[in-house]
N, C-alpha and C. Protein backbone atom coordinates (compact mmCIF):
# COMPACT_ATOMS: atom_id res chain seq x y z
N MET A 1 35.70 19.67 47.30
CA MET A 1 35.82 20.26 49.01
C MET A 1 35.29 20.79 50.03
N ILE A 2 33.93 21.63 49.46
CA ILE A 2 32.74 22.12 50.48
C ILE A 2 32.30 20.18 50.99
N THR A 3 31.96 19.32 50.13
CA THR A 3 31.85 18.23 50.51
C THR A 3 32.42 17.64 51.80
N LYS A 4 33.79 17.92 52.46
CA LYS A 4 35.07 17.44 53.01
C LYS A 4 34.23 18.31 54.19
N ILE A 5 34.67 19.69 54.44
CA ILE A 5 33.74 20.62 55.21
C ILE A 5 32.62 20.17 55.75
N ALA A 6 31.83 20.09 54.90
CA ALA A 6 30.63 19.57 55.32
C ALA A 6 30.39 18.04 56.17
N VAL A 7 31.35 17.62 55.59
CA VAL A 7 31.32 16.34 56.60
C VAL A 7 31.47 16.43 57.81
N ALA A 8 33.07 17.02 58.21
CA ALA A 8 33.53 17.46 59.41
C ALA A 8 33.06 18.52 60.00
N ALA A 9 31.85 19.53 59.36
CA ALA A 9 31.35 20.14 60.17
C ALA A 9 30.66 19.67 60.45
N THR A 10 29.28 18.32 60.72
CA THR A 10 28.49 17.64 60.74
C THR A 10 29.20 16.73 61.68
N ALA A 11 29.91 16.57 61.32
CA ALA A 11 31.16 15.34 62.59
C ALA A 11 30.99 16.05 63.56
N VAL A 12 31.07 17.13 63.71
CA VAL A 12 31.84 18.08 64.83
C VAL A 12 30.36 18.42 65.66
N LEU A 13 29.44 18.88 64.89
CA LEU A 13 28.24 19.30 65.52
C LEU A 13 27.51 18.14 65.99
N ILE A 14 27.46 16.80 65.19
CA ILE A 14 27.31 15.79 66.21
C ILE A 14 27.92 15.33 67.56
N THR A 15 29.09 15.47 67.29
CA THR A 15 29.64 15.55 68.75
C THR A 15 29.20 16.58 69.73
N ALA A 16 29.16 17.50 69.07
CA ALA A 16 29.00 18.84 69.82
C ALA A 16 27.72 18.74 70.57
N SER A 17 26.88 18.70 69.96
CA SER A 17 25.22 18.67 70.52
C SER A 17 25.22 18.32 71.74
N PRO A 18 25.73 17.09 72.05
CA PRO A 18 25.37 16.83 73.33
C PRO A 18 25.77 17.63 74.63
N LEU A 19 27.29 18.08 73.70
CA LEU A 19 27.99 18.98 74.98
C LEU A 19 27.34 20.66 75.32
N ALA A 20 26.16 20.18 74.34
CA ALA A 20 25.96 22.51 74.41
C ALA A 20 24.96 22.26 75.79
N TYR A 21 24.47 20.81 76.16
CA TYR A 21 23.20 20.95 77.46
C TYR A 21 24.50 20.98 78.66
N ALA A 22 25.66 21.37 78.42
CA ALA A 22 26.32 21.35 80.08
C ALA A 22 25.87 22.16 80.78
N ALA A 23 24.72 23.30 80.49
CA ALA A 23 24.46 24.05 81.46
C ALA A 23 23.82 23.56 82.43
N GLU A 24 22.51 22.22 82.60
CA GLU A 24 21.93 21.44 83.74
C GLU A 24 23.54 21.22 84.47
N ALA A 25 22.87 20.77 85.94
CA ALA A 25 23.71 20.69 86.69
C ALA A 25 23.55 19.06 87.23
N SER A 26 24.46 18.76 87.58
CA SER A 26 24.27 17.17 88.06
C SER A 26 24.06 17.25 89.35
N SER A 27 22.90 16.25 89.54
CA SER A 27 22.78 16.47 91.30
C SER A 27 23.61 16.01 91.99
N GLU A 28 24.82 15.05 91.81
CA GLU A 28 26.02 14.36 92.49
C GLU A 28 27.28 15.20 92.74
N THR A 29 27.02 16.20 91.49
CA THR A 29 28.42 17.16 91.68
C THR A 29 28.07 18.78 90.73
N THR A 30 29.20 19.47 90.86
CA THR A 30 28.65 20.48 90.40
C THR A 30 29.71 20.93 89.10
N SER A 31 29.78 19.41 88.19
CA SER A 31 30.24 19.69 87.10
C SER A 31 28.64 19.79 86.17
N PRO A 32 28.77 20.50 84.62
CA PRO A 32 27.37 20.08 84.32
C PRO A 32 27.53 19.08 83.43
N THR A 33 25.71 18.82 83.36
CA THR A 33 25.68 17.52 82.61
C THR A 33 25.48 17.81 81.12
N VAL A 34 25.41 16.82 80.26
CA VAL A 34 24.95 17.12 79.13
C VAL A 34 23.48 16.23 78.86
N GLY A 35 22.37 16.45 79.25
CA GLY A 35 21.13 15.12 79.67
C GLY A 35 21.64 13.65 79.38
N MET A 36 22.95 13.34 80.20
CA MET A 36 23.24 12.20 79.96
C MET A 36 23.86 11.64 81.75
N THR A 37 23.32 10.62 82.10
CA THR A 37 24.13 9.56 83.20
C THR A 37 25.23 10.71 83.75
N HIS A 38 25.90 10.85 82.77
CA HIS A 38 27.31 11.84 84.05
C HIS A 38 27.42 12.57 83.05
N PRO A 39 28.39 13.24 84.32
CA PRO A 39 28.76 15.03 83.96
C PRO A 39 29.49 15.14 82.89
N VAL A 40 29.49 16.30 82.38
CA VAL A 40 30.67 16.53 81.36
C VAL A 40 32.10 16.98 82.04
N THR A 41 33.46 16.41 81.78
CA THR A 41 34.33 16.68 82.31
C THR A 41 34.93 17.79 81.24
N GLY A 42 36.61 18.55 82.28
CA GLY A 42 36.64 19.44 81.18
C GLY A 42 37.44 18.56 79.90
N ALA A 43 37.74 17.50 80.13
CA ALA A 43 38.37 16.68 79.14
C ALA A 43 37.25 16.94 77.68
N ASP A 44 36.04 16.63 78.20
CA ASP A 44 35.29 16.31 77.03
C ASP A 44 35.17 17.73 76.42
N LEU A 45 34.89 19.16 77.60
CA LEU A 45 34.77 19.84 76.64
C LEU A 45 36.14 20.36 75.93
N ASN A 46 37.44 20.11 76.37
CA ASN A 46 38.94 20.61 75.47
C ASN A 46 38.64 19.32 74.61
N ALA A 47 38.33 17.99 74.51
CA ALA A 47 38.40 17.51 73.49
C ALA A 47 37.24 18.18 72.15
N LEU A 48 36.03 18.59 72.81
CA LEU A 48 35.09 19.67 71.64
C LEU A 48 36.10 20.14 71.34
N THR A 49 36.78 21.52 71.94
CA THR A 49 37.38 22.78 71.54
C THR A 49 38.80 22.23 70.37
N ASP A 50 39.40 21.08 70.67
CA ASP A 50 40.12 20.16 69.60
C ASP A 50 39.61 19.72 68.57
N ALA A 51 38.45 19.41 68.39
CA ALA A 51 37.19 19.10 66.83
C ALA A 51 37.07 20.35 66.62
N ARG A 52 36.66 21.81 67.77
CA ARG A 52 36.14 22.95 66.49
C ARG A 52 37.80 23.72 65.84
N VAL A 53 38.83 23.50 66.70
CA VAL A 53 39.82 24.02 66.47
C VAL A 53 40.71 23.56 64.82
N ALA A 54 40.17 22.14 64.87
CA ALA A 54 40.50 21.25 63.96
C ALA A 54 40.28 21.47 62.60
N MET A 55 38.95 21.59 62.90
CA MET A 55 37.69 21.55 61.81
C MET A 55 37.92 22.96 60.99
N ILE A 56 38.49 23.78 61.79
CA ILE A 56 38.35 25.41 61.24
C ILE A 56 39.74 25.12 60.44
N LYS A 57 40.57 25.05 61.27
CA LYS A 57 42.09 25.12 60.42
C LYS A 57 41.86 23.77 58.88
N SER A 58 41.56 22.62 58.94
CA SER A 58 41.07 21.94 58.07
C SER A 58 40.77 22.30 56.86
N ALA A 59 39.13 23.26 57.20
CA ALA A 59 38.65 23.66 56.35
C ALA A 59 39.38 24.76 55.67
N LEU A 60 40.15 25.86 56.05
CA LEU A 60 40.78 27.14 55.73
C LEU A 60 42.31 26.66 54.97
N GLN A 61 42.59 25.20 55.16
CA GLN A 61 43.48 24.67 54.31
C GLN A 61 45.04 25.79 53.86
N LEU A 62 45.47 26.38 55.32
CA LEU A 62 46.04 27.41 55.16
C LEU A 62 47.72 26.95 54.35
N THR A 63 47.63 28.52 53.87
CA THR A 63 49.45 28.11 53.59
C THR A 63 50.35 28.06 54.34
N PRO A 64 51.58 27.83 53.77
CA PRO A 64 52.43 28.35 54.91
C PRO A 64 53.04 29.63 55.17
N ASP A 65 52.50 30.67 54.19
CA ASP A 65 52.89 31.91 54.35
C ASP A 65 51.39 32.17 55.69
N GLN A 66 50.37 31.55 54.97
CA GLN A 66 49.23 31.97 56.51
C GLN A 66 49.29 30.84 57.82
N GLU A 67 49.86 30.12 58.01
CA GLU A 67 50.35 29.63 59.18
C GLU A 67 50.82 30.30 60.14
N LYS A 68 51.84 30.94 59.74
CA LYS A 68 52.67 32.10 61.02
C LYS A 68 51.27 32.82 62.04
N TYR A 69 50.13 32.71 61.06
CA TYR A 69 49.21 33.72 62.02
C TYR A 69 48.12 32.85 62.82
N TRP A 70 48.12 31.11 62.79
CA TRP A 70 47.23 30.41 63.39
C TRP A 70 47.48 30.32 64.63
N PRO A 71 48.92 30.14 64.85
CA PRO A 71 49.08 29.92 66.48
C PRO A 71 48.26 30.99 67.64
N ALA A 72 48.29 32.60 67.06
CA ALA A 72 47.16 33.51 67.90
C ALA A 72 45.96 33.27 67.67
N VAL A 73 45.35 32.62 66.72
CA VAL A 73 43.96 32.27 66.31
C VAL A 73 44.05 31.06 67.26
N GLU A 74 44.77 30.04 67.41
CA GLU A 74 44.02 29.05 67.81
C GLU A 74 44.53 29.20 69.84
N GLU A 75 45.35 30.03 70.38
CA GLU A 75 45.11 30.66 71.20
C GLU A 75 43.96 31.32 71.62
N ALA A 76 43.84 32.28 71.45
CA ALA A 76 42.36 32.78 71.63
C ALA A 76 41.35 32.54 70.83
N ILE A 77 41.14 31.00 70.68
CA ILE A 77 39.79 30.21 70.75
C ILE A 77 40.11 29.66 71.96
N ARG A 78 40.92 28.77 71.87
CA ARG A 78 41.41 27.87 73.21
C ARG A 78 40.89 29.00 74.77
N ALA A 79 41.58 29.86 74.75
CA ALA A 79 41.05 30.58 75.97
C ALA A 79 39.96 31.01 76.13
N ARG A 80 39.12 31.48 75.14
CA ARG A 80 37.81 31.92 75.06
C ARG A 80 36.69 30.42 75.49
N ALA A 81 37.52 29.44 75.33
CA ALA A 81 36.58 28.32 75.69
C ALA A 81 37.09 27.91 76.77
N LYS A 82 38.18 28.47 77.58
CA LYS A 82 38.53 27.63 78.63
C LYS A 82 37.73 28.61 79.38
N ASN A 83 37.60 30.11 79.40
CA ASN A 83 37.07 30.91 79.97
C ASN A 83 35.45 30.93 79.88
N ARG A 84 34.62 30.40 79.04
CA ARG A 84 32.80 29.41 79.01
C ARG A 84 33.18 28.50 79.69
N GLN A 85 34.03 27.58 79.81
CA GLN A 85 33.85 26.59 80.45
C GLN A 85 33.95 26.60 82.12
N ALA A 86 34.87 27.73 82.95
CA ALA A 86 34.92 28.39 84.09
C ALA A 86 33.29 28.61 83.95
N ARG A 87 32.66 29.81 83.23
CA ARG A 87 31.30 30.36 83.47
C ARG A 87 30.53 29.43 83.50
N TRP A 88 30.19 28.10 82.87
CA TRP A 88 29.17 27.39 83.00
C TRP A 88 29.96 26.55 84.62
N GLU A 89 30.50 26.25 84.79
CA GLU A 89 31.05 25.40 86.05
C GLU A 89 30.42 26.64 87.19
N ARG A 90 30.59 27.82 87.13
CA ARG A 90 30.15 28.85 88.26
C ARG A 90 28.37 28.88 88.19
N VAL A 91 27.79 28.39 86.63
CA VAL A 91 26.24 28.42 86.86
C VAL A 91 26.27 27.15 87.36
N ALA A 92 26.29 25.72 87.26
CA ALA A 92 26.09 25.10 87.76
C ALA A 92 26.25 24.85 89.62
N GLN A 93 27.25 25.98 90.20
CA GLN A 93 27.55 25.32 91.32
C GLN A 93 26.00 26.67 91.82
N LEU A 94 25.72 27.54 90.80
CA LEU A 94 24.39 28.29 91.40
C LEU A 94 23.44 27.56 91.52
N ARG A 95 23.25 26.91 90.34
CA ARG A 95 21.80 25.73 90.20
C ARG A 95 21.66 24.83 91.25
N ASP A 96 22.95 24.88 92.30
CA ASP A 96 22.65 23.78 93.50
C ASP A 96 21.10 24.31 94.25
N SER A 97 21.09 25.60 94.31
CA SER A 97 20.40 26.29 95.44
C SER A 97 18.87 27.03 93.83
N SER A 98 17.73 27.30 94.78
CA SER A 98 16.94 27.79 93.91
C SER A 98 16.75 29.05 93.78
N PRO A 99 16.22 29.49 93.00
CA PRO A 99 16.16 30.85 92.42
C PRO A 99 16.11 31.64 93.62
N LEU A 100 15.07 31.50 94.81
CA LEU A 100 14.56 32.41 95.94
C LEU A 100 15.69 32.56 96.44
N GLU A 101 15.82 31.14 97.35
CA GLU A 101 16.97 31.21 97.83
C GLU A 101 18.43 32.03 97.46
N ALA A 102 18.79 32.06 96.35
CA ALA A 102 19.81 32.73 96.06
C ALA A 102 19.51 34.23 96.11
N LEU A 103 18.09 34.68 95.67
CA LEU A 103 18.19 36.12 95.76
C LEU A 103 17.99 36.91 97.05
N HIS A 104 17.68 35.59 97.84
CA HIS A 104 17.27 35.90 99.31
C HIS A 104 18.62 36.46 100.06
N GLU A 105 19.90 35.37 99.94
CA GLU A 105 21.14 35.19 100.48
C GLU A 105 22.06 36.25 99.78
N LYS A 106 21.45 36.63 98.55
CA LYS A 106 22.44 37.43 97.65
C LYS A 106 21.87 38.87 97.69
N ASN A 107 22.69 39.88 97.21
CA ASN A 107 22.53 41.01 97.41
C ASN A 107 22.16 41.76 95.94
N PRO A 108 21.15 42.10 95.35
CA PRO A 108 20.70 42.17 94.01
C PRO A 108 21.61 42.92 93.03
N VAL A 109 22.18 44.24 93.76
CA VAL A 109 23.48 45.03 93.23
C VAL A 109 24.65 44.13 93.16
N GLU A 110 25.02 43.09 93.63
CA GLU A 110 26.19 42.33 93.41
C GLU A 110 25.88 41.23 92.42
N ILE A 111 24.72 41.00 92.42
CA ILE A 111 24.40 40.12 91.12
C ILE A 111 24.58 40.52 90.07
N MET A 112 23.70 42.42 89.59
CA MET A 112 23.96 42.57 88.78
C MET A 112 25.43 43.19 88.55
N GLN A 113 26.38 43.28 89.38
CA GLN A 113 27.95 43.59 89.10
C GLN A 113 28.79 42.36 88.63
N ARG A 114 28.28 41.05 88.94
CA ARG A 114 28.83 39.79 88.78
C ARG A 114 28.53 39.54 87.35
N ARG A 115 27.48 39.83 87.29
CA ARG A 115 26.51 39.86 85.37
C ARG A 115 27.46 40.45 84.53
N ALA A 116 27.87 41.78 85.11
CA ALA A 116 28.51 43.02 84.30
C ALA A 116 29.82 42.84 84.04
N ASP A 117 30.04 42.18 85.08
CA ASP A 117 31.68 41.55 84.82
C ASP A 117 31.78 40.52 84.19
N SER A 118 30.88 39.39 83.97
CA SER A 118 30.95 38.20 83.48
C SER A 118 30.67 38.59 81.88
N LEU A 119 29.69 39.80 81.66
CA LEU A 119 29.83 40.24 79.57
C LEU A 119 30.84 40.93 79.12
N ASN A 120 31.49 41.57 80.29
CA ASN A 120 32.69 42.56 80.09
C ASN A 120 33.95 41.47 79.76
N GLN A 121 33.72 40.08 80.34
CA GLN A 121 34.81 38.99 80.45
C GLN A 121 34.47 38.50 78.68
N ARG A 122 33.44 38.43 78.38
CA ARG A 122 32.59 37.20 77.00
C ARG A 122 33.30 38.35 76.04
N ALA A 123 32.87 39.69 76.36
CA ALA A 123 33.55 40.66 75.44
C ALA A 123 34.93 40.87 74.95
N ALA A 124 35.97 40.98 76.17
CA ALA A 124 37.23 40.99 76.10
C ALA A 124 37.61 39.25 75.16
N ASP A 125 37.02 38.51 75.87
CA ASP A 125 37.21 37.05 74.91
C ASP A 125 37.15 36.91 73.39
N LEU A 126 35.80 37.76 72.63
CA LEU A 126 35.27 37.71 71.86
C LEU A 126 36.55 39.21 70.94
N LYS A 127 36.99 39.60 71.73
CA LYS A 127 37.61 41.07 71.05
C LYS A 127 38.99 40.29 70.83
N LYS A 128 39.71 39.55 71.64
CA LYS A 128 40.95 38.78 71.76
C LYS A 128 40.80 37.84 70.30
N VAL A 129 39.47 37.16 70.11
CA VAL A 129 39.63 36.08 68.97
C VAL A 129 39.41 37.15 67.57
N ALA A 130 38.41 38.16 67.60
CA ALA A 130 39.12 38.86 66.19
C ALA A 130 39.65 39.63 66.06
N ASP A 131 40.85 40.26 67.29
CA ASP A 131 42.31 40.75 67.39
C ASP A 131 42.94 39.81 66.64
N ALA A 132 42.81 38.13 66.94
CA ALA A 132 44.51 37.06 66.50
C ALA A 132 43.26 36.79 65.20
N TRP A 133 42.22 37.09 64.42
CA TRP A 133 42.16 36.41 63.54
C TRP A 133 42.32 37.59 62.24
N GLU A 134 42.07 38.67 62.53
CA GLU A 134 42.19 39.63 61.59
C GLU A 134 43.41 39.67 60.94
N PRO A 135 44.40 39.31 61.26
CA PRO A 135 45.84 39.46 60.45
C PRO A 135 45.89 38.34 59.41
N LEU A 136 44.88 37.24 59.88
CA LEU A 136 45.01 35.85 59.12
C LEU A 136 44.15 35.88 58.12
N PHE A 137 42.91 36.31 58.63
CA PHE A 137 41.46 37.36 57.43
C PHE A 137 42.25 37.67 56.28
N LYS A 138 42.99 38.47 56.63
CA LYS A 138 43.56 39.60 55.57
C LYS A 138 44.49 39.36 54.38
N THR A 139 44.80 37.81 54.78
CA THR A 139 45.89 37.35 53.75
C THR A 139 44.83 36.05 53.22
N LEU A 140 43.86 35.52 53.57
CA LEU A 140 42.81 34.39 52.63
C LEU A 140 41.91 35.16 51.42
N THR A 141 42.03 33.81 50.53
CA THR A 141 42.07 33.89 49.70
C THR A 141 40.13 34.31 49.82
N ASP A 142 39.58 34.36 49.03
CA ASP A 142 37.93 34.87 48.56
C ASP A 142 37.95 32.98 48.60
N ASP A 143 37.98 32.44 48.20
CA ASP A 143 37.71 30.60 48.43
C ASP A 143 38.26 30.47 50.06
N GLN A 144 39.13 30.70 50.92
CA GLN A 144 39.45 30.32 51.89
C GLN A 144 37.95 31.26 52.79
N LYS A 145 37.90 32.54 52.20
CA LYS A 145 36.73 33.26 53.11
C LYS A 145 35.17 32.84 52.97
N LYS A 146 35.46 31.97 51.72
CA LYS A 146 33.61 31.18 51.48
C LYS A 146 33.80 30.08 52.79
N ARG A 147 35.14 29.36 52.44
CA ARG A 147 35.39 27.79 53.67
C ARG A 147 34.95 28.87 55.27
N MET A 148 35.56 29.90 55.31
CA MET A 148 35.78 29.94 57.13
C MET A 148 34.01 30.42 57.56
N ALA A 149 33.06 31.33 56.21
CA ALA A 149 31.35 31.76 56.30
C ALA A 149 30.82 30.35 56.39
N PHE A 150 31.13 29.39 55.57
CA PHE A 150 30.37 28.01 55.52
C PHE A 150 30.39 27.46 57.09
N VAL A 151 31.72 27.31 57.35
CA VAL A 151 31.99 26.67 58.84
C VAL A 151 31.23 27.45 60.00
N THR A 152 31.11 28.80 59.95
CA THR A 152 30.82 29.75 60.77
C THR A 152 29.33 29.66 60.82
N VAL A 153 28.75 29.29 59.76
CA VAL A 153 27.11 29.28 59.72
C VAL A 153 26.69 27.85 59.93
N VAL A 154 27.79 26.91 59.87
CA VAL A 154 27.16 25.87 60.28
C VAL A 154 27.08 24.96 61.91
N ALA A 155 28.56 25.80 62.10
CA ALA A 155 28.30 25.98 63.76
C ALA A 155 26.95 26.60 64.52
N ALA A 156 27.24 27.72 63.79
CA ALA A 156 25.93 28.78 64.50
C ALA A 156 24.49 28.12 64.40
N ARG A 157 24.40 27.14 63.47
CA ARG A 157 23.19 26.84 63.45
C ARG A 157 22.81 25.45 64.25
N GLY A 158 24.28 25.08 64.23
CA GLY A 158 24.14 23.70 65.50
C GLY A 158 23.86 24.45 66.91
N ILE A 159 24.57 25.29 67.19
CA ILE A 159 24.71 25.94 68.41
C ILE A 159 22.70 26.43 68.66
N ARG A 160 22.54 27.13 67.90
CA ARG A 160 20.90 27.81 67.82
C ARG A 160 20.54 26.49 68.19
N ASP A 161 20.30 25.30 67.16
CA ASP A 161 19.37 24.33 67.00
C ASP A 161 19.57 23.49 68.31
N THR A 162 20.85 23.67 69.16
CA THR A 162 21.30 22.99 70.60
C THR A 162 20.26 23.85 71.62
N ILE A 163 20.25 25.25 71.66
CA ILE A 163 19.84 26.01 72.27
C ILE A 163 18.67 25.97 72.50
N GLU A 164 17.83 25.54 70.91
CA GLU A 164 16.46 25.52 71.16
C GLU A 164 15.70 24.02 71.39
N HIS A 165 16.75 23.61 70.96
CA HIS A 165 16.07 21.89 71.83
C HIS A 165 16.72 21.98 73.82
N HIS A 166 17.23 22.73 73.94
CA HIS A 166 17.40 22.39 75.14
C HIS A 166 16.22 23.37 75.75
N VAL A 167 15.68 24.20 75.25
CA VAL A 167 14.48 25.24 75.94
C VAL A 167 13.37 24.82 76.03
N GLU A 168 12.89 24.11 74.44
CA GLU A 168 12.07 22.97 74.20
C GLU A 168 11.92 21.78 75.41
N SER A 169 12.89 21.22 75.99
CA SER A 169 12.96 20.33 76.57
C SER A 169 12.82 20.72 78.04
N GLU A 170 13.16 21.86 78.08
CA GLU A 170 12.83 22.91 79.58
C GLU A 170 11.32 22.83 79.76
N ASP A 171 10.77 23.35 78.81
CA ASP A 171 9.28 23.68 78.79
C ASP A 171 8.49 22.19 78.89
N GLU A 172 8.93 21.40 78.19
CA GLU A 172 8.17 20.36 78.62
C GLU A 172 8.66 19.78 80.04
N ASP A 173 9.37 19.67 80.74
CA ASP A 173 9.46 19.57 82.10
C ASP A 173 8.84 20.51 83.23
N GLU A 174 7.85 21.42 82.78
CA GLU A 174 7.16 22.05 83.29
C GLU A 174 5.93 21.82 82.99
């Protein structure tokens, strides 16, 4: 069973790793890119979210009684992903100008307020995910909780490794 989860997690991370580079802006479009020659589309990000949701649900192997809690969890995951995508698109638009131009044209107080609003939105999204998970988590067996922890750790490591790789590649460009 753990082998199946590990294979599924690895497949998702292999698919997801290039998409994590979506913070870069394409010179031809405001859509994020992934270090490839084409921008990441909303469909690409939706496919990544679909894969994440499927991996989590598959790993948990929910019982019919637990299934009734799943729609709220999936909805919260998808809403968070949609808001993340919107933030990435805003970042890509901001990258069209140099940092100095952005500071000269913008009020620093407004920048801090926008950042605070963004962090509040991220916190609210995470709270919704946690609130959606709570009733389902209470019904999980110890084995299901272990699988959930495993999937979480694998995903977190994949994200961390992707960020580290991205930072290293930016350092090499300088």
